Amino acid sequence: MTSTSASTPTSTPSSPSTPSTAELVAFANQLADEARKVILPFWRKPIDVESKVENDRPVAESPVTIADRMAEESMRHLIEKHHPTHGIYGEEFGSVRTTARYVWVLDPIDGTKSFITGKPLFGTLIALLEDGIPIIGIIDQCVLKERWVGVVGEGTTLNGVKVTTASGNGGEEGNERGIRSGGG
């Protein structure tokens, strides 16, 4: 797979079965945009909460809302429409085509307890695996308007600005979180 910057399109055309890194990053951002559109209307509004049981987790019972389900459905719809050969691991609706070359991993609201109690400490998690290896990851905190995008070989951005950790000094040169922005 050709590694390209999210801001620099690849110079070689790609077939529908082999999209460029830039195309995949753009599509991952489109998925996050779609989830954000679905989730925000439910933010701090009365919402029904159901319990689901996942026996493979330390705490087997976890909450789920219509916002979780609708956001995942919307992302799945886009994947099926634009990349029907890609697989999906979904938090709410299970897995399909998990042996595909590209597999999307979707958690529409990671932190549902925070979401339902009105705390802005939740996010949409999206990852793309190529042959089982993560190549793109997104954390979208729609209420805080923060989107972290990591791309293997290209680094990480926060709201489109490249960020790095302070090197070798435990964060002393970066800000209080040990993060530098602007490519430093």
N, C-alpha and C. Protein backbone atom coordinates (compact mmCIF):
# COMPACT_ATOMS: atom_id res chain seq x y z
N MET A 1 0.84 -1.18 0.00
CA MET A 1 0.00 0.00 0.00
C MET A 1 0.88 1.23 0.00
N THR A 2 0.59 2.20 -0.83
CA THR A 2 1.35 3.43 -0.90
C THR A 2 1.00 4.31 0.28
N SER A 3 2.02 4.78 0.96
CA SER A 3 1.79 5.67 2.10
C SER A 3 1.83 7.10 1.62
N THR A 4 0.75 7.83 1.87
CA THR A 4 0.68 9.22 1.46
C THR A 4 0.18 10.05 2.61
N SER A 5 0.42 11.32 2.54
CA SER A 5 -0.07 12.22 3.58
C SER A 5 -1.55 12.48 3.35
N ALA A 6 -2.27 12.70 4.46
CA ALA A 6 -3.70 13.00 4.35
C ALA A 6 -3.93 14.25 3.55
N SER A 7 -2.96 15.17 3.53
CA SER A 7 -3.14 16.41 2.81
C SER A 7 -2.56 16.35 1.41
N THR A 8 -1.80 15.28 1.07
CA THR A 8 -1.21 15.15 -0.24
C THR A 8 -1.75 13.91 -0.91
N PRO A 9 -2.58 14.09 -1.95
CA PRO A 9 -3.12 12.91 -2.61
C PRO A 9 -2.02 12.11 -3.30
N THR A 10 -2.24 10.83 -3.43
CA THR A 10 -1.27 9.98 -4.10
C THR A 10 -1.20 10.34 -5.58
N SER A 11 -0.02 10.14 -6.17
CA SER A 11 0.14 10.50 -7.58
C SER A 11 -0.26 9.37 -8.50
N THR A 12 -0.41 8.17 -7.97
CA THR A 12 -0.82 7.06 -8.81
C THR A 12 -2.28 6.74 -8.55
N PRO A 13 -3.05 6.55 -9.61
CA PRO A 13 -4.45 6.22 -9.39
C PRO A 13 -4.58 4.87 -8.71
N SER A 14 -5.63 4.71 -7.92
CA SER A 14 -5.85 3.43 -7.26
C SER A 14 -7.15 2.83 -7.75
N SER A 15 -7.20 1.52 -7.73
CA SER A 15 -8.42 0.83 -8.14
C SER A 15 -9.39 0.84 -6.96
N PRO A 16 -10.66 0.57 -7.23
CA PRO A 16 -11.64 0.52 -6.13
C PRO A 16 -11.25 -0.48 -5.04
N SER A 17 -10.54 -1.56 -5.40
CA SER A 17 -10.16 -2.55 -4.40
C SER A 17 -8.90 -2.14 -3.62
N THR A 18 -8.15 -1.17 -4.13
CA THR A 18 -6.94 -0.72 -3.45
C THR A 18 -6.93 0.81 -3.35
N PRO A 19 -7.69 1.36 -2.43
CA PRO A 19 -7.71 2.82 -2.28
C PRO A 19 -6.39 3.32 -1.70
N SER A 20 -6.07 4.57 -2.00
CA SER A 20 -4.85 5.17 -1.46
C SER A 20 -5.04 5.48 0.03
N THR A 21 -3.94 5.69 0.70
CA THR A 21 -4.01 6.07 2.12
C THR A 21 -4.81 7.36 2.28
N ALA A 22 -4.58 8.33 1.42
CA ALA A 22 -5.32 9.60 1.52
C ALA A 22 -6.82 9.37 1.37
N GLU A 23 -7.21 8.49 0.44
CA GLU A 23 -8.64 8.19 0.26
C GLU A 23 -9.21 7.51 1.49
N LEU A 24 -8.46 6.61 2.08
CA LEU A 24 -8.93 5.90 3.27
C LEU A 24 -9.04 6.84 4.47
N VAL A 25 -8.08 7.74 4.62
CA VAL A 25 -8.14 8.72 5.72
C VAL A 25 -9.35 9.64 5.52
N ALA A 26 -9.56 10.09 4.29
CA ALA A 26 -10.72 10.95 4.01
C ALA A 26 -12.02 10.21 4.33
N PHE A 27 -12.07 8.93 3.97
CA PHE A 27 -13.28 8.15 4.24
C PHE A 27 -13.46 7.94 5.74
N ALA A 28 -12.38 7.68 6.46
CA ALA A 28 -12.47 7.52 7.92
C ALA A 28 -13.01 8.80 8.56
N ASN A 29 -12.56 9.94 8.08
CA ASN A 29 -13.09 11.22 8.57
C ASN A 29 -14.57 11.38 8.22
N GLN A 30 -14.96 10.90 7.05
CA GLN A 30 -16.38 10.94 6.66
C GLN A 30 -17.21 10.09 7.62
N LEU A 31 -16.69 8.93 8.03
CA LEU A 31 -17.38 8.09 9.00
C LEU A 31 -17.56 8.83 10.32
N ALA A 32 -16.49 9.50 10.77
CA ALA A 32 -16.56 10.25 12.03
C ALA A 32 -17.55 11.41 11.92
N ASP A 33 -17.56 12.08 10.77
CA ASP A 33 -18.53 13.17 10.55
C ASP A 33 -19.96 12.65 10.65
N GLU A 34 -20.19 11.48 10.05
CA GLU A 34 -21.53 10.89 10.05
C GLU A 34 -21.95 10.52 11.47
N ALA A 35 -21.05 9.89 12.22
CA ALA A 35 -21.37 9.53 13.60
C ALA A 35 -21.67 10.79 14.42
N ARG A 36 -20.90 11.83 14.22
CA ARG A 36 -21.09 13.09 14.95
C ARG A 36 -22.49 13.66 14.67
N LYS A 37 -22.90 13.63 13.39
CA LYS A 37 -24.24 14.15 13.02
C LYS A 37 -25.35 13.39 13.72
N VAL A 38 -25.14 12.09 13.90
CA VAL A 38 -26.17 11.27 14.54
C VAL A 38 -26.16 11.47 16.06
N ILE A 39 -25.00 11.55 16.66
CA ILE A 39 -24.87 11.57 18.12
C ILE A 39 -25.28 12.91 18.73
N LEU A 40 -24.85 14.01 18.14
CA LEU A 40 -25.06 15.33 18.77
C LEU A 40 -26.53 15.66 19.08
N PRO A 41 -27.50 15.31 18.24
CA PRO A 41 -28.89 15.63 18.60
C PRO A 41 -29.37 14.93 19.89
N PHE A 42 -28.69 13.87 20.31
CA PHE A 42 -29.07 13.14 21.53
C PHE A 42 -28.34 13.66 22.77
N TRP A 43 -27.33 14.51 22.57
CA TRP A 43 -26.49 14.97 23.67
C TRP A 43 -27.30 15.78 24.69
N ARG A 44 -27.23 15.35 25.93
CA ARG A 44 -27.91 15.98 27.07
C ARG A 44 -29.42 16.11 26.86
N LYS A 45 -29.98 15.14 26.19
CA LYS A 45 -31.43 15.04 26.01
C LYS A 45 -31.88 13.77 26.72
N PRO A 46 -33.12 13.71 27.16
CA PRO A 46 -33.62 12.45 27.74
C PRO A 46 -33.49 11.33 26.70
N ILE A 47 -32.96 10.21 27.14
CA ILE A 47 -32.73 9.11 26.21
C ILE A 47 -32.92 7.79 26.95
N ASP A 48 -33.54 6.83 26.28
CA ASP A 48 -33.72 5.51 26.86
C ASP A 48 -32.39 4.78 26.85
N VAL A 49 -32.14 4.06 27.92
CA VAL A 49 -30.90 3.30 28.06
C VAL A 49 -31.27 1.84 28.27
N GLU A 50 -30.65 0.98 27.48
CA GLU A 50 -30.83 -0.46 27.63
C GLU A 50 -29.52 -1.04 28.14
N SER A 51 -29.59 -2.23 28.66
CA SER A 51 -28.39 -2.95 29.08
C SER A 51 -28.11 -4.07 28.09
N LYS A 52 -26.85 -4.23 27.77
CA LYS A 52 -26.46 -5.38 26.96
C LYS A 52 -25.44 -6.16 27.77
N VAL A 53 -25.42 -7.46 27.58
CA VAL A 53 -24.50 -8.32 28.31
C VAL A 53 -23.44 -8.81 27.35
N GLU A 54 -22.19 -8.58 27.74
CA GLU A 54 -21.04 -9.04 26.97
C GLU A 54 -20.18 -9.85 27.92
N ASN A 55 -20.34 -11.15 27.90
CA ASN A 55 -19.69 -12.02 28.87
C ASN A 55 -18.17 -12.03 28.80
N ASP A 56 -17.61 -11.54 27.70
CA ASP A 56 -16.16 -11.53 27.56
C ASP A 56 -15.51 -10.29 28.17
N ARG A 57 -16.30 -9.42 28.82
CA ARG A 57 -15.78 -8.19 29.42
C ARG A 57 -15.69 -8.34 30.94
N PRO A 58 -14.79 -7.59 31.59
CA PRO A 58 -14.69 -7.66 33.05
C PRO A 58 -16.01 -7.33 33.74
N VAL A 59 -16.72 -6.32 33.25
CA VAL A 59 -18.06 -6.02 33.73
C VAL A 59 -18.98 -6.38 32.57
N ALA A 60 -19.70 -7.47 32.73
CA ALA A 60 -20.45 -8.05 31.60
C ALA A 60 -21.58 -7.16 31.11
N GLU A 61 -22.19 -6.38 31.99
CA GLU A 61 -23.33 -5.57 31.60
C GLU A 61 -22.86 -4.15 31.27
N SER A 62 -23.30 -3.64 30.13
CA SER A 62 -22.96 -2.26 29.77
C SER A 62 -24.16 -1.59 29.11
N PRO A 63 -24.24 -0.26 29.22
CA PRO A 63 -25.38 0.45 28.65
C PRO A 63 -25.24 0.65 27.15
N VAL A 64 -26.37 0.77 26.49
CA VAL A 64 -26.42 1.09 25.07
C VAL A 64 -27.64 1.97 24.84
N THR A 65 -27.51 2.92 23.91
CA THR A 65 -28.61 3.84 23.60
C THR A 65 -28.92 3.80 22.12
N ILE A 66 -30.00 4.45 21.76
CA ILE A 66 -30.35 4.57 20.34
C ILE A 66 -29.27 5.36 19.60
N ALA A 67 -28.61 6.28 20.28
CA ALA A 67 -27.53 7.05 19.64
C ALA A 67 -26.38 6.13 19.24
N ASP A 68 -26.02 5.19 20.13
CA ASP A 68 -24.98 4.19 19.80
C ASP A 68 -25.36 3.43 18.54
N ARG A 69 -26.57 2.91 18.55
CA ARG A 69 -27.01 2.05 17.46
C ARG A 69 -27.16 2.82 16.15
N MET A 70 -27.77 4.00 16.21
CA MET A 70 -27.96 4.77 14.97
C MET A 70 -26.63 5.23 14.38
N ALA A 71 -25.68 5.62 15.24
CA ALA A 71 -24.38 6.06 14.74
C ALA A 71 -23.65 4.90 14.05
N GLU A 72 -23.69 3.72 14.66
CA GLU A 72 -23.03 2.58 14.02
C GLU A 72 -23.74 2.21 12.72
N GLU A 73 -25.06 2.22 12.73
CA GLU A 73 -25.80 1.91 11.50
C GLU A 73 -25.41 2.87 10.38
N SER A 74 -25.28 4.15 10.69
CA SER A 74 -24.92 5.15 9.68
C SER A 74 -23.52 4.89 9.12
N MET A 75 -22.58 4.58 10.01
CA MET A 75 -21.22 4.29 9.55
C MET A 75 -21.19 3.02 8.71
N ARG A 76 -21.89 2.00 9.15
CA ARG A 76 -21.95 0.75 8.39
C ARG A 76 -22.54 0.97 7.00
N HIS A 77 -23.58 1.78 6.95
CA HIS A 77 -24.21 2.08 5.65
C HIS A 77 -23.19 2.70 4.69
N LEU A 78 -22.40 3.65 5.18
CA LEU A 78 -21.39 4.29 4.31
C LEU A 78 -20.34 3.28 3.87
N ILE A 79 -19.90 2.42 4.78
CA ILE A 79 -18.91 1.41 4.40
C ILE A 79 -19.48 0.48 3.33
N GLU A 80 -20.69 0.00 3.56
CA GLU A 80 -21.31 -0.91 2.58
C GLU A 80 -21.50 -0.23 1.22
N LYS A 81 -21.82 1.05 1.23
CA LYS A 81 -22.05 1.79 -0.01
C LYS A 81 -20.75 2.06 -0.76
N HIS A 82 -19.71 2.49 -0.05
CA HIS A 82 -18.48 2.93 -0.71
C HIS A 82 -17.39 1.87 -0.77
N HIS A 83 -17.41 0.92 0.16
CA HIS A 83 -16.37 -0.13 0.22
C HIS A 83 -17.01 -1.47 0.58
N PRO A 84 -17.85 -2.00 -0.31
CA PRO A 84 -18.62 -3.21 0.03
C PRO A 84 -17.77 -4.46 0.25
N THR A 85 -16.51 -4.45 -0.14
CA THR A 85 -15.66 -5.61 0.10
C THR A 85 -14.93 -5.52 1.44
N HIS A 86 -15.00 -4.38 2.11
CA HIS A 86 -14.32 -4.22 3.40
C HIS A 86 -15.12 -4.90 4.50
N GLY A 87 -14.42 -5.40 5.50
CA GLY A 87 -15.06 -6.00 6.65
C GLY A 87 -15.38 -4.97 7.72
N ILE A 88 -16.14 -5.39 8.72
CA ILE A 88 -16.54 -4.50 9.82
C ILE A 88 -16.58 -5.31 11.12
N TYR A 89 -15.91 -4.78 12.14
CA TYR A 89 -16.10 -5.21 13.53
C TYR A 89 -16.88 -4.09 14.18
N GLY A 90 -18.08 -4.33 14.63
CA GLY A 90 -18.88 -3.28 15.24
C GLY A 90 -19.21 -3.56 16.68
N GLU A 91 -19.23 -2.52 17.48
CA GLU A 91 -19.56 -2.62 18.90
C GLU A 91 -21.00 -3.07 19.11
N GLU A 92 -21.90 -2.57 18.28
CA GLU A 92 -23.33 -2.81 18.51
C GLU A 92 -23.93 -3.91 17.64
N PHE A 93 -23.39 -4.12 16.44
CA PHE A 93 -24.03 -5.05 15.50
C PHE A 93 -23.12 -6.16 15.01
N GLY A 94 -22.02 -6.40 15.68
CA GLY A 94 -21.20 -7.55 15.35
C GLY A 94 -20.31 -7.36 14.14
N SER A 95 -19.89 -8.48 13.57
CA SER A 95 -18.85 -8.49 12.55
C SER A 95 -19.31 -9.10 11.24
N VAL A 96 -18.75 -8.58 10.15
CA VAL A 96 -18.93 -9.15 8.81
C VAL A 96 -17.61 -9.07 8.06
N ARG A 97 -17.35 -10.04 7.23
CA ARG A 97 -16.17 -10.08 6.36
C ARG A 97 -14.86 -9.78 7.11
N THR A 98 -14.66 -10.39 8.25
CA THR A 98 -13.48 -10.08 9.07
C THR A 98 -12.17 -10.61 8.49
N THR A 99 -12.25 -11.40 7.42
CA THR A 99 -11.02 -11.87 6.77
C THR A 99 -10.68 -11.02 5.55
N ALA A 100 -11.42 -9.95 5.32
CA ALA A 100 -11.14 -9.06 4.18
C ALA A 100 -9.79 -8.38 4.37
N ARG A 101 -9.22 -7.90 3.28
CA ARG A 101 -7.96 -7.16 3.38
C ARG A 101 -8.10 -5.95 4.29
N TYR A 102 -9.19 -5.20 4.11
CA TYR A 102 -9.45 -4.02 4.94
C TYR A 102 -10.64 -4.32 5.85
N VAL A 103 -10.49 -4.03 7.14
CA VAL A 103 -11.56 -4.23 8.11
C VAL A 103 -11.66 -2.98 8.98
N TRP A 104 -12.86 -2.42 9.06
CA TRP A 104 -13.14 -1.25 9.89
C TRP A 104 -13.57 -1.72 11.28
N VAL A 105 -13.06 -1.06 12.30
CA VAL A 105 -13.44 -1.34 13.68
C VAL A 105 -14.18 -0.10 14.19
N LEU A 106 -15.43 -0.29 14.64
CA LEU A 106 -16.30 0.84 14.99
C LEU A 106 -16.81 0.73 16.42
N ASP A 107 -16.59 1.78 17.19
CA ASP A 107 -17.24 1.92 18.50
C ASP A 107 -17.89 3.30 18.47
N PRO A 108 -19.19 3.36 18.21
CA PRO A 108 -19.84 4.65 17.98
C PRO A 108 -19.79 5.59 19.18
N ILE A 109 -19.97 5.06 20.39
CA ILE A 109 -19.85 5.88 21.59
C ILE A 109 -19.07 5.07 22.62
N ASP A 110 -17.77 5.33 22.69
CA ASP A 110 -16.95 4.73 23.72
C ASP A 110 -17.07 5.63 24.93
N GLY A 111 -17.64 5.11 26.00
CA GLY A 111 -17.93 5.94 27.16
C GLY A 111 -19.41 6.26 27.24
N THR A 112 -20.24 5.26 26.95
CA THR A 112 -21.69 5.49 26.96
C THR A 112 -22.19 5.98 28.31
N LYS A 113 -21.59 5.52 29.41
CA LYS A 113 -22.01 5.99 30.72
C LYS A 113 -21.80 7.49 30.85
N SER A 114 -20.68 8.00 30.38
CA SER A 114 -20.44 9.45 30.39
C SER A 114 -21.45 10.16 29.50
N PHE A 115 -21.71 9.59 28.32
CA PHE A 115 -22.65 10.19 27.39
C PHE A 115 -24.03 10.34 28.02
N ILE A 116 -24.53 9.28 28.64
CA ILE A 116 -25.90 9.33 29.17
C ILE A 116 -26.01 10.19 30.42
N THR A 117 -24.90 10.43 31.11
CA THR A 117 -24.94 11.29 32.30
C THR A 117 -24.54 12.73 31.99
N GLY A 118 -24.33 13.04 30.71
CA GLY A 118 -24.06 14.41 30.31
C GLY A 118 -22.63 14.87 30.49
N LYS A 119 -21.71 13.94 30.67
CA LYS A 119 -20.29 14.29 30.78
C LYS A 119 -19.65 14.15 29.40
N PRO A 120 -18.85 15.13 28.99
CA PRO A 120 -18.30 15.09 27.63
C PRO A 120 -17.08 14.19 27.47
N LEU A 121 -17.00 13.14 28.26
CA LEU A 121 -15.84 12.26 28.26
C LEU A 121 -16.14 10.96 27.51
N PHE A 122 -16.56 11.10 26.28
CA PHE A 122 -16.86 9.95 25.43
C PHE A 122 -16.37 10.29 24.03
N GLY A 123 -16.25 9.29 23.21
CA GLY A 123 -15.83 9.55 21.84
C GLY A 123 -16.21 8.42 20.92
N THR A 124 -16.17 8.73 19.64
CA THR A 124 -16.36 7.73 18.60
C THR A 124 -14.98 7.21 18.23
N LEU A 125 -14.82 5.91 18.24
CA LEU A 125 -13.55 5.28 17.89
C LEU A 125 -13.70 4.55 16.56
N ILE A 126 -12.79 4.84 15.66
CA ILE A 126 -12.80 4.23 14.33
C ILE A 126 -11.37 3.81 14.02
N ALA A 127 -11.21 2.58 13.59
CA ALA A 127 -9.90 2.13 13.15
C ALA A 127 -10.06 1.39 11.83
N LEU A 128 -8.98 1.37 11.07
CA LEU A 128 -8.94 0.58 9.85
C LEU A 128 -7.74 -0.35 9.94
N LEU A 129 -8.02 -1.64 9.74
CA LEU A 129 -6.97 -2.64 9.71
C LEU A 129 -6.71 -3.03 8.26
N GLU A 130 -5.46 -3.18 7.93
CA GLU A 130 -5.09 -3.75 6.63
C GLU A 130 -4.38 -5.06 6.91
N ASP A 131 -4.95 -6.14 6.44
CA ASP A 131 -4.42 -7.48 6.71
C ASP A 131 -4.19 -7.68 8.20
N GLY A 132 -5.12 -7.20 9.02
CA GLY A 132 -5.06 -7.39 10.46
C GLY A 132 -4.20 -6.40 11.22
N ILE A 133 -3.55 -5.48 10.54
CA ILE A 133 -2.66 -4.50 11.17
C ILE A 133 -3.33 -3.13 11.15
N PRO A 134 -3.42 -2.44 12.29
CA PRO A 134 -4.02 -1.09 12.30
C PRO A 134 -3.19 -0.12 11.46
N ILE A 135 -3.87 0.61 10.57
CA ILE A 135 -3.18 1.61 9.76
C ILE A 135 -3.75 3.02 9.95
N ILE A 136 -4.99 3.12 10.41
CA ILE A 136 -5.63 4.41 10.66
C ILE A 136 -6.43 4.28 11.95
N GLY A 137 -6.37 5.32 12.77
CA GLY A 137 -7.18 5.36 13.98
C GLY A 137 -7.72 6.76 14.20
N ILE A 138 -8.98 6.84 14.59
CA ILE A 138 -9.61 8.13 14.88
C ILE A 138 -10.28 8.06 16.24
N ILE A 139 -10.07 9.12 17.01
CA ILE A 139 -10.84 9.37 18.23
C ILE A 139 -11.53 10.69 17.97
N ASP A 140 -12.85 10.66 17.89
CA ASP A 140 -13.62 11.88 17.65
C ASP A 140 -14.45 12.19 18.89
N GLN A 141 -14.12 13.29 19.55
CA GLN A 141 -14.88 13.74 20.72
C GLN A 141 -15.76 14.89 20.25
N CYS A 142 -16.95 14.52 19.78
CA CYS A 142 -17.80 15.48 19.07
C CYS A 142 -18.23 16.66 19.94
N VAL A 143 -18.48 16.45 21.21
CA VAL A 143 -18.91 17.55 22.07
C VAL A 143 -17.76 18.53 22.32
N LEU A 144 -16.56 18.00 22.47
CA LEU A 144 -15.38 18.84 22.69
C LEU A 144 -14.81 19.40 21.38
N LYS A 145 -15.35 18.92 20.26
CA LYS A 145 -14.88 19.31 18.92
C LYS A 145 -13.39 19.02 18.75
N GLU A 146 -12.99 17.84 19.21
CA GLU A 146 -11.61 17.38 19.05
C GLU A 146 -11.61 16.09 18.26
N ARG A 147 -10.79 16.07 17.22
CA ARG A 147 -10.64 14.85 16.44
C ARG A 147 -9.15 14.54 16.30
N TRP A 148 -8.77 13.40 16.85
CA TRP A 148 -7.42 12.88 16.74
C TRP A 148 -7.40 11.86 15.61
N VAL A 149 -6.46 12.01 14.68
CA VAL A 149 -6.34 11.06 13.57
C VAL A 149 -4.89 10.60 13.52
N GLY A 150 -4.70 9.30 13.63
CA GLY A 150 -3.37 8.72 13.52
C GLY A 150 -3.28 7.84 12.30
N VAL A 151 -2.19 7.99 11.57
CA VAL A 151 -1.97 7.20 10.36
C VAL A 151 -0.56 6.62 10.43
N VAL A 152 -0.44 5.31 10.28
CA VAL A 152 0.87 4.67 10.34
C VAL A 152 1.81 5.32 9.33
N GLY A 153 2.98 5.69 9.80
CA GLY A 153 3.99 6.29 8.94
C GLY A 153 3.81 7.77 8.70
N GLU A 154 2.70 8.34 9.17
CA GLU A 154 2.43 9.76 8.94
C GLU A 154 2.22 10.55 10.21
N GLY A 155 2.09 9.88 11.33
CA GLY A 155 1.91 10.58 12.59
C GLY A 155 0.45 10.84 12.91
N THR A 156 0.26 11.80 13.81
CA THR A 156 -1.06 12.09 14.37
C THR A 156 -1.38 13.56 14.21
N THR A 157 -2.66 13.85 13.99
CA THR A 157 -3.14 15.23 13.96
C THR A 157 -4.25 15.39 14.99
N LEU A 158 -4.38 16.60 15.49
CA LEU A 158 -5.50 17.01 16.33
C LEU A 158 -6.17 18.15 15.60
N ASN A 159 -7.39 17.93 15.16
CA ASN A 159 -8.15 18.91 14.37
C ASN A 159 -7.34 19.41 13.17
N GLY A 160 -6.64 18.47 12.53
CA GLY A 160 -5.90 18.79 11.31
C GLY A 160 -4.50 19.34 11.51
N VAL A 161 -4.08 19.56 12.76
CA VAL A 161 -2.74 20.09 13.05
C VAL A 161 -1.88 18.95 13.56
N LYS A 162 -0.71 18.77 12.93
CA LYS A 162 0.19 17.69 13.33
C LYS A 162 0.61 17.89 14.79
N VAL A 163 0.59 16.78 15.55
CA VAL A 163 1.04 16.81 16.94
C VAL A 163 2.07 15.71 17.14
N THR A 164 2.96 15.95 18.07
CA THR A 164 3.97 14.96 18.43
C THR A 164 4.13 14.98 19.94
N THR A 165 4.69 13.92 20.48
CA THR A 165 5.03 13.94 21.90
C THR A 165 6.40 14.58 22.04
N ALA A 166 6.65 15.16 23.20
CA ALA A 166 7.98 15.70 23.47
C ALA A 166 8.94 14.52 23.51
N SER A 167 10.12 14.68 22.94
CA SER A 167 11.02 13.54 22.80
C SER A 167 11.98 13.40 23.97
N GLY A 168 11.96 12.22 24.56
CA GLY A 168 12.99 11.81 25.51
C GLY A 168 13.05 12.53 26.84
N ASN A 169 12.13 13.40 27.16
CA ASN A 169 12.26 14.13 28.42
C ASN A 169 11.00 14.08 29.25
N GLY A 170 10.14 13.13 29.00
CA GLY A 170 8.93 12.99 29.80
C GLY A 170 7.94 14.11 29.62
N GLY A 171 8.06 14.87 28.53
CA GLY A 171 7.06 15.91 28.25
C GLY A 171 7.45 17.29 28.72
N GLU A 172 8.66 17.48 29.22
CA GLU A 172 9.03 18.78 29.77
C GLU A 172 9.03 19.89 28.72
N GLU A 173 9.38 19.57 27.47
CA GLU A 173 9.41 20.61 26.44
C GLU A 173 8.06 20.85 25.81
N GLY A 174 7.15 19.90 25.92
CA GLY A 174 5.81 20.07 25.35
C GLY A 174 4.91 20.77 26.35
N ASN A 175 3.63 20.78 26.06
CA ASN A 175 2.70 21.39 27.00
C ASN A 175 2.45 20.44 28.16
N GLU A 176 1.51 20.76 29.03
CA GLU A 176 1.29 19.94 30.22
C GLU A 176 0.91 18.50 29.89
N ARG A 177 0.44 18.24 28.69
CA ARG A 177 0.12 16.86 28.29
C ARG A 177 1.27 16.22 27.55
N GLY A 178 2.40 16.92 27.43
CA GLY A 178 3.52 16.37 26.68
C GLY A 178 3.30 16.35 25.19
N ILE A 179 2.46 17.26 24.70
CA ILE A 179 2.12 17.28 23.28
C ILE A 179 2.59 18.58 22.66
N ARG A 180 3.19 18.46 21.51
CA ARG A 180 3.57 19.63 20.73
C ARG A 180 2.70 19.67 19.50
N SER A 181 2.25 20.85 19.11
CA SER A 181 1.51 20.94 17.85
C SER A 181 2.32 21.74 16.87
N GLY A 182 1.93 21.64 15.61
CA GLY A 182 2.60 22.38 14.56
C GLY A 182 3.84 21.71 14.04
N GLY A 183 3.99 20.41 14.28
CA GLY A 183 5.07 19.63 13.68
C GLY A 183 6.38 19.70 14.42
N GLY A 184 6.41 20.18 15.67
CA GLY A 184 7.68 20.33 16.40
C GLY A 184 8.20 19.16 17.07
